[in-house]
Amino acid sequence: MNQAINAPRSYSPSRTYVLRTVGFMLFYVLVSVLAIAGLFDSLIGGPGGWVIAVAVAVPVAAQVWATLRLMADSDEFVRVIVTKCFVLAAGTSMVLWTVWGFGEAYAGAPHLDGWLIYPCFWAAYALVSPFVRTSKL
């Protein structure tokens, strides 16, 4: 019997990452769209509002987990490249958010909601990724 036919299907770490990301972000978008449509308006401001907040945050945490799994499951080169991009994006996001927070406190900058650090992180990741080409520090 041909073992290739009966062998369990093994996806590459990149493909697994993409499948996880799509699943987590579909849930994120679904909850967000329902919230924007007003389905949860009666819950806002009460304990139910925390349930919504956690429901939207869970796929964000899951996405971070998926990225960490990509790092762990990939070969050394990919692991180092993704890790460098992740660290650079996290550092950039924290610095930008800190500067903006002090701008709010001391310069009258308009308030930005804290959850915006997540898209800021991925924007920073997208911006630094093309420049990270080597596994050397």
Protein backbone atom coordinates (compact mmCIF):
# COMPACT_ATOMS: atom_id res chain seq x y z
CA MET A 1 0.00 0.00 0.00
CA ASN A 2 1.26 3.47 -0.85
CA GLN A 3 2.24 5.20 2.40
CA ALA A 4 2.12 8.65 0.79
CA ILE A 5 -1.62 8.24 0.30
CA ASN A 6 -2.25 7.09 3.88
CA ALA A 7 0.22 9.45 5.56
CA PRO A 8 -1.36 12.12 7.74
CA ARG A 9 -1.45 15.47 6.03
CA SER A 10 1.31 17.73 7.31
CA TYR A 11 1.04 21.45 6.70
CA SER A 12 3.99 23.78 6.69
CA PRO A 13 4.27 26.14 9.65
CA SER A 14 3.44 29.06 7.34
CA ARG A 15 0.27 27.42 6.08
CA THR A 16 -0.79 26.50 9.61
CA TYR A 17 -0.16 30.11 10.66
CA VAL A 18 -2.31 31.44 7.82
CA LEU A 19 -5.16 29.04 8.64
CA ARG A 20 -5.03 29.98 12.32
CA THR A 21 -4.89 33.68 11.50
CA VAL A 22 -7.88 33.48 9.19
CA GLY A 23 -9.92 31.61 11.79
CA PHE A 24 -9.05 33.95 14.64
CA MET A 25 -9.57 37.09 12.59
CA LEU A 26 -12.93 35.89 11.25
CA PHE A 27 -14.13 35.60 14.84
CA TYR A 28 -12.64 39.04 15.62
CA VAL A 29 -14.39 40.62 12.64
CA LEU A 30 -17.68 38.86 13.43
CA VAL A 31 -17.78 40.14 17.02
CA SER A 32 -16.67 43.61 15.91
CA VAL A 33 -19.30 43.85 13.16
CA LEU A 34 -22.03 42.72 15.55
CA ALA A 35 -20.88 45.36 18.05
CA ILE A 36 -20.78 48.08 15.38
CA ALA A 37 -24.26 47.04 14.24
CA GLY A 38 -25.50 47.71 17.76
CA LEU A 39 -26.31 44.15 18.74
CA PHE A 40 -24.53 44.57 22.08
CA ASP A 41 -25.60 48.15 22.88
CA SER A 42 -27.74 47.06 25.82
CA LEU A 43 -24.70 45.40 27.42
CA ILE A 44 -22.31 48.34 27.21
CA GLY A 45 -21.48 49.88 30.56
CA GLY A 46 -22.42 46.81 32.57
CA PRO A 47 -20.86 43.44 33.31
CA GLY A 48 -21.94 42.23 29.85
CA GLY A 49 -19.69 44.88 28.36
CA TRP A 50 -16.72 43.05 29.86
CA VAL A 51 -17.85 39.86 28.17
CA ILE A 52 -17.80 41.69 24.83
CA ALA A 53 -14.39 43.22 25.60
CA VAL A 54 -12.94 39.80 26.39
CA ALA A 55 -14.64 38.22 23.35
CA VAL A 56 -12.92 40.73 21.06
CA ALA A 57 -9.59 40.41 22.88
CA VAL A 58 -9.45 36.59 22.81
CA PRO A 59 -8.73 36.36 19.06
CA VAL A 60 -6.05 39.04 19.50
CA ALA A 61 -4.36 36.89 22.15
CA ALA A 62 -4.85 33.85 19.92
CA GLN A 63 -3.19 35.69 17.03
CA VAL A 64 -0.15 36.43 19.20
CA TRP A 65 -0.11 32.74 20.16
CA ALA A 66 -0.30 31.77 16.47
CA THR A 67 2.69 33.99 15.73
CA LEU A 68 4.65 32.48 18.61
CA ARG A 69 3.76 28.98 17.31
CA LEU A 70 4.98 30.02 13.85
CA MET A 71 8.29 30.99 15.44
CA ALA A 72 8.54 27.73 17.37
CA ASP A 73 7.54 25.48 14.47
CA SER A 74 9.68 27.08 11.75
CA ASP A 75 13.29 26.42 10.85
CA GLU A 76 16.00 28.54 12.46
CA PHE A 77 16.20 31.14 9.69
CA VAL A 78 12.46 31.84 9.58
CA ARG A 79 12.32 31.78 13.39
CA VAL A 80 14.99 34.47 13.65
CA ILE A 81 13.47 36.65 10.92
CA VAL A 82 9.96 36.51 12.40
CA THR A 83 11.31 37.08 15.90
CA LYS A 84 13.34 40.11 14.82
CA CYS A 85 10.31 41.60 13.05
CA PHE A 86 8.12 40.87 16.08
CA VAL A 87 10.55 42.52 18.51
CA LEU A 88 11.11 45.55 16.27
CA ALA A 89 7.36 46.01 15.75
CA ALA A 90 6.62 45.61 19.47
CA GLY A 91 9.32 48.11 20.40
CA THR A 92 8.19 50.58 17.76
CA SER A 93 4.56 50.28 18.88
CA MET A 94 5.43 50.77 22.54
CA VAL A 95 7.55 53.83 21.78
CA LEU A 96 4.87 55.37 19.54
CA TRP A 97 2.13 54.68 22.09
CA THR A 98 4.25 56.10 24.91
CA VAL A 99 5.03 59.26 22.95
CA TRP A 100 1.35 59.66 22.09
CA GLY A 101 0.31 59.07 25.71
CA PHE A 102 2.68 61.79 26.91
CA GLY A 103 1.41 63.95 24.05
CA GLU A 104 -2.10 63.52 25.46
CA ALA A 105 -0.89 64.38 28.96
CA TYR A 106 1.39 67.30 28.13
CA ALA A 107 0.59 68.61 24.66
CA GLY A 108 -3.17 68.29 24.39
CA ALA A 109 -3.05 65.55 21.74
CA PRO A 110 -6.43 63.94 21.13
CA HIS A 111 -7.10 60.68 22.96
CA LEU A 112 -6.54 57.40 21.13
CA ASP A 113 -8.16 54.23 22.42
CA GLY A 114 -5.74 51.68 23.85
CA TRP A 115 -6.88 48.88 21.54
CA LEU A 116 -5.38 50.77 18.60
CA ILE A 117 -1.94 49.53 19.66
CA TYR A 118 -2.82 46.17 18.07
CA PRO A 119 -3.26 47.49 14.51
CA CYS A 120 -0.31 49.83 15.18
CA PHE A 121 1.81 46.77 16.01
CA TRP A 122 0.87 44.98 12.79
CA ALA A 123 1.41 48.15 10.75
CA ALA A 124 4.88 48.44 12.31
CA TYR A 125 5.47 44.73 11.58
CA ALA A 126 4.56 45.30 7.93
CA LEU A 127 6.87 48.31 7.73
CA VAL A 128 9.92 46.64 9.29
CA SER A 129 9.55 43.24 7.60
CA PRO A 130 10.99 44.22 4.19
CA PHE A 131 14.16 45.46 5.89
CA VAL A 132 14.84 42.36 8.00
CA ARG A 133 16.71 40.10 5.61
CA THR A 134 19.38 38.41 7.68
CA SER A 135 19.43 36.22 10.76
CA LYS A 136 22.41 38.13 12.13
CA LEU A 137 21.86 40.62 14.91
